[in-house]
Structure formats: C-alpha cells, structure tokens
Amino acid sequence: MFRMLTDEESRLIDRLLEEEFQGRDAILRQIENSRVKDWDDHNGSLEFDVGPSPPALTKSRIPVEGEFEDYDGVKTHVLLHVVDGRIRDLELYKDDSSKIIKMPKPAEVRLFRPECP
C-alpha cells in the first residue's frame, strides 16, 4: 500500500535535495505529489508513486547520494533513483549488508553527486 512520507523520511529526502543538481526543482515538485511504499523491510528503502508533475531531467539515474556511519560504525548509503524523469526509489543499504540500526539526523548525512558516465 502506498502512503505519505513519514517526517523522518521527509527530513532525509530534504537533506539529499540540499545538493544542487540538474532536475532538482522538478524532483521537489514530484515529491509534493507522491506517495511511497516500503520495498525493503530490512533498511527502509522506498518506492515512489509520483502524481502528475513535470519530469526531472537529471544527468544520471542517481543524481545525488548521501552516506553516514550507522551506530555500529559501518558506512551506510542513501541513493535517490530517477528513471525516465520520475523519482523511482530511495535506496538505503550498508556496506556489510546488515540491517540499519539507527537512521541519521539529517546533518549527519554527507552529500555528494556520483560521477556521471
């Protein structure tokens, strides 16, 4: 079932969108009209259902990424996926594939833009 974003999810996405990149403004509008559902009970990854909104013309499928250290010190990644101009997923995973113990405060997430092919 699709649902609205939680406050914690919204704060994490807002943090990712602090980074400037091509298509960012369209993604912001898409988020206003979207709903999500969990697709990874292990780490909190989300699938988006985007309502009517302009396409996000990003340079790559993953226009922005964040990382943080989980409570156990393992590096954890947060990736925003955009496919065919639409937000598709918010993917979270740890380098050792274990379950995320504690979600970060937004300020703890380091942002960067992956290299475009």
C-alpha atoms as a PDB file:
ATOM      1  CA  MET A   1       0.000   0.000   0.000  1.00  0.00           C
ATOM      2  CA  PHE A   2       1.241   3.453  -0.910  1.00  0.00           C
ATOM      3  CA  ARG A   3       1.292   6.050   1.868  1.00  0.00           C
ATOM      4  CA  MET A   4       2.525   9.531   2.672  1.00  0.00           C
ATOM      5  CA  LEU A   5       6.155  10.041   3.669  1.00  0.00           C
ATOM      6  CA  THR A   6       6.905   9.969   7.393  1.00  0.00           C
ATOM      7  CA  ASP A   7       8.547  13.017   8.956  1.00  0.00           C
ATOM      8  CA  GLU A   8      11.836  11.109   9.281  1.00  0.00           C
ATOM      9  CA  GLU A   9      11.743  10.088   5.597  1.00  0.00           C
ATOM     10  CA  SER A  10      10.898  13.646   4.536  1.00  0.00           C
ATOM     11  CA  ARG A  11      13.822  15.060   6.520  1.00  0.00           C
ATOM     12  CA  LEU A  12      16.220  12.568   4.933  1.00  0.00           C
ATOM     13  CA  ILE A  13      14.995  13.391   1.404  1.00  0.00           C
ATOM     14  CA  ASP A  14      15.117  17.129   2.167  1.00  0.00           C
ATOM     15  CA  ARG A  15      18.754  16.675   3.184  1.00  0.00           C
ATOM     16  CA  LEU A  16      19.568  14.947  -0.132  1.00  0.00           C
ATOM     17  CA  LEU A  17      17.861  17.738  -2.034  1.00  0.00           C
ATOM     18  CA  GLU A  18      20.029  20.404  -0.391  1.00  0.00           C
ATOM     19  CA  GLU A  19      22.618  19.469  -3.025  1.00  0.00           C
ATOM     20  CA  GLU A  20      22.231  21.402  -6.294  1.00  0.00           C
ATOM     21  CA  PHE A  21      21.911  19.260  -9.420  1.00  0.00           C
ATOM     22  CA  GLN A  22      20.093  19.274 -12.753  1.00  0.00           C
ATOM     23  CA  GLY A  23      16.436  18.254 -12.272  1.00  0.00           C
ATOM     24  CA  ARG A  24      16.346  19.065  -8.552  1.00  0.00           C
ATOM     25  CA  ASP A  25      13.479  21.562  -8.751  1.00  0.00           C
ATOM     26  CA  ALA A  26      11.300  19.103 -10.691  1.00  0.00           C
ATOM     27  CA  ILE A  27      12.050  16.408  -8.091  1.00  0.00           C
ATOM     28  CA  LEU A  28      10.897  18.770  -5.352  1.00  0.00           C
ATOM     29  CA  ARG A  29       7.582  19.209  -7.190  1.00  0.00           C
ATOM     30  CA  GLN A  30       7.279  15.461  -7.758  1.00  0.00           C
ATOM     31  CA  ILE A  31       7.703  14.764  -4.060  1.00  0.00           C
ATOM     32  CA  GLU A  32       4.808  17.106  -3.253  1.00  0.00           C
ATOM     33  CA  ASN A  33       2.523  14.886  -5.377  1.00  0.00           C
ATOM     34  CA  SER A  34       3.914  11.483  -4.468  1.00  0.00           C
ATOM     35  CA  ARG A  35       3.206   8.579  -2.181  1.00  0.00           C
ATOM     36  CA  VAL A  36       5.597   5.817  -1.161  1.00  0.00           C
ATOM     37  CA  LYS A  37       5.680   2.212  -0.118  1.00  0.00           C
ATOM     38  CA  ASP A  38       8.366   0.189   1.594  1.00  0.00           C
ATOM     39  CA  TRP A  39      10.200  -2.250  -0.668  1.00  0.00           C
ATOM     40  CA  ASP A  40      12.927  -3.250   1.750  1.00  0.00           C
ATOM     41  CA  ASP A  41      11.798  -4.185   5.247  1.00  0.00           C
ATOM     42  CA  HIS A  42      15.460  -4.582   6.133  1.00  0.00           C
ATOM     43  CA  ASN A  43      16.593  -0.960   5.706  1.00  0.00           C
ATOM     44  CA  GLY A  44      13.689   1.327   4.864  1.00  0.00           C
ATOM     45  CA  SER A  45      14.132   1.728   1.112  1.00  0.00           C
ATOM     46  CA  LEU A  46      11.117   3.280  -0.602  1.00  0.00           C
ATOM     47  CA  GLU A  47       9.363   3.048  -3.962  1.00  0.00           C
ATOM     48  CA  PHE A  48       7.678   6.249  -5.172  1.00  0.00           C
ATOM     49  CA  ASP A  49       4.336   6.662  -6.910  1.00  0.00           C
ATOM     50  CA  VAL A  50       4.589  10.112  -8.470  1.00  0.00           C
ATOM     51  CA  GLY A  51       1.452  12.013  -9.395  1.00  0.00           C
ATOM     52  CA  PRO A  52       1.163  14.487 -12.266  1.00  0.00           C
ATOM     53  CA  SER A  53       4.221  16.736 -12.305  1.00  0.00           C
ATOM     54  CA  PRO A  54       6.964  17.918 -14.653  1.00  0.00           C
ATOM     55  CA  PRO A  55       9.749  15.441 -15.500  1.00  0.00           C
ATOM     56  CA  ALA A  56      13.097  15.709 -13.749  1.00  0.00           C
ATOM     57  CA  LEU A  57      15.744  15.903 -16.455  1.00  0.00           C
ATOM     58  CA  THR A  58      18.685  14.585 -14.456  1.00  0.00           C
ATOM     59  CA  LYS A  59      22.056  13.715 -15.975  1.00  0.00           C
ATOM     60  CA  SER A  60      22.098  10.261 -14.412  1.00  0.00           C
ATOM     61  CA  ARG A  61      19.863   7.718 -12.705  1.00  0.00           C
ATOM     62  CA  ILE A  62      21.358   8.666  -9.319  1.00  0.00           C
ATOM     63  CA  PRO A  63      21.751  12.446  -9.303  1.00  0.00           C
ATOM     64  CA  VAL A  64      22.569  12.674  -5.588  1.00  0.00           C
ATOM     65  CA  GLU A  65      23.775  10.326  -2.884  1.00  0.00           C
ATOM     66  CA  GLY A  66      24.355  10.562   0.835  1.00  0.00           C
ATOM     67  CA  GLU A  67      26.332   8.491   3.287  1.00  0.00           C
ATOM     68  CA  PHE A  68      26.663   8.188   7.030  1.00  0.00           C
ATOM     69  CA  GLU A  69      28.062   5.818   9.616  1.00  0.00           C
ATOM     70  CA  ASP A  70      25.456   3.693  11.347  1.00  0.00           C
ATOM     71  CA  TYR A  71      25.545   3.178  15.111  1.00  0.00           C
ATOM     72  CA  ASP A  72      27.933   0.229  14.627  1.00  0.00           C
ATOM     73  CA  GLY A  73      30.343   2.332  12.527  1.00  0.00           C
ATOM     74  CA  VAL A  74      29.501   0.716   9.171  1.00  0.00           C
ATOM     75  CA  LYS A  75      29.185   3.112   6.234  1.00  0.00           C
ATOM     76  CA  THR A  76      25.579   3.407   5.043  1.00  0.00           C
ATOM     77  CA  HIS A  77      24.393   4.817   1.717  1.00  0.00           C
ATOM     78  CA  VAL A  78      21.256   6.724   0.684  1.00  0.00           C
ATOM     79  CA  LEU A  79      20.640   6.916  -3.073  1.00  0.00           C
ATOM     80  CA  LEU A  80      17.868   8.737  -4.909  1.00  0.00           C
ATOM     81  CA  HIS A  81      16.968   6.946  -8.166  1.00  0.00           C
ATOM     82  CA  VAL A  82      15.326   8.830 -11.061  1.00  0.00           C
ATOM     83  CA  VAL A  83      14.107   6.830 -14.070  1.00  0.00           C
ATOM     84  CA  ASP A  84      12.545   8.347 -17.185  1.00  0.00           C
ATOM     85  CA  GLY A  85      12.251  11.713 -15.440  1.00  0.00           C
ATOM     86  CA  ARG A  86      10.404  10.316 -12.399  1.00  0.00           C
ATOM     87  CA  ILE A  87      11.573   9.592  -8.883  1.00  0.00           C
ATOM     88  CA  ARG A  88      11.602   5.811  -8.701  1.00  0.00           C
ATOM     89  CA  ASP A  89      13.287   4.811  -5.417  1.00  0.00           C
ATOM     90  CA  LEU A  90      15.065   5.940  -2.311  1.00  0.00           C
ATOM     91  CA  GLU A  91      17.566   3.156  -1.653  1.00  0.00           C
ATOM     92  CA  LEU A  92      19.323   2.617   1.670  1.00  0.00           C
ATOM     93  CA  TYR A  93      21.997  -0.010   2.285  1.00  0.00           C
ATOM     94  CA  LYS A  94      25.039  -0.698   4.439  1.00  0.00           C
ATOM     95  CA  ASP A  95      28.435  -1.736   3.116  1.00  0.00           C
ATOM     96  CA  ASP A  96      28.257  -5.016   5.037  1.00  0.00           C
ATOM     97  CA  SER A  97      24.587  -5.681   4.052  1.00  0.00           C
ATOM     98  CA  SER A  98      23.486  -5.762   7.693  1.00  0.00           C
ATOM     99  CA  LYS A  99      20.317  -4.048   8.905  1.00  0.00           C
ATOM    100  CA  ILE A 100      20.445  -0.306   9.580  1.00  0.00           C
ATOM    101  CA  ILE A 101      20.381   0.155  13.341  1.00  0.00           C
ATOM    102  CA  LYS A 102      19.621   3.870  13.590  1.00  0.00           C
ATOM    103  CA  MET A 103      18.614   6.389  10.964  1.00  0.00           C
ATOM    104  CA  PRO A 104      20.806   9.504  10.996  1.00  0.00           C
ATOM    105  CA  LYS A 105      19.959  13.056  11.834  1.00  0.00           C
ATOM    106  CA  PRO A 106      19.925  14.976   8.524  1.00  0.00           C
ATOM    107  CA  ALA A 107      23.094  16.912   9.429  1.00  0.00           C
ATOM    108  CA  GLU A 108      24.973  13.589   9.821  1.00  0.00           C
ATOM    109  CA  VAL A 109      24.454  12.704   6.136  1.00  0.00           C
ATOM    110  CA  ARG A 110      27.361  13.671   3.876  1.00  0.00           C
ATOM    111  CA  LEU A 111      26.165  14.604   0.389  1.00  0.00           C
ATOM    112  CA  PHE A 112      27.798  14.141  -2.964  1.00  0.00           C
ATOM    113  CA  ARG A 113      26.904  13.768  -6.600  1.00  0.00           C
ATOM    114  CA  PRO A 114      28.041  10.491  -8.163  1.00  0.00           C
ATOM    115  CA  GLU A 115      30.215  10.829 -11.243  1.00  0.00           C
ATOM    116  CA  CYS A 116      28.183  10.872 -14.434  1.00  0.00           C
ATOM    117  CA  PRO A 117      29.170   8.307 -17.086  1.00  0.00           C
END
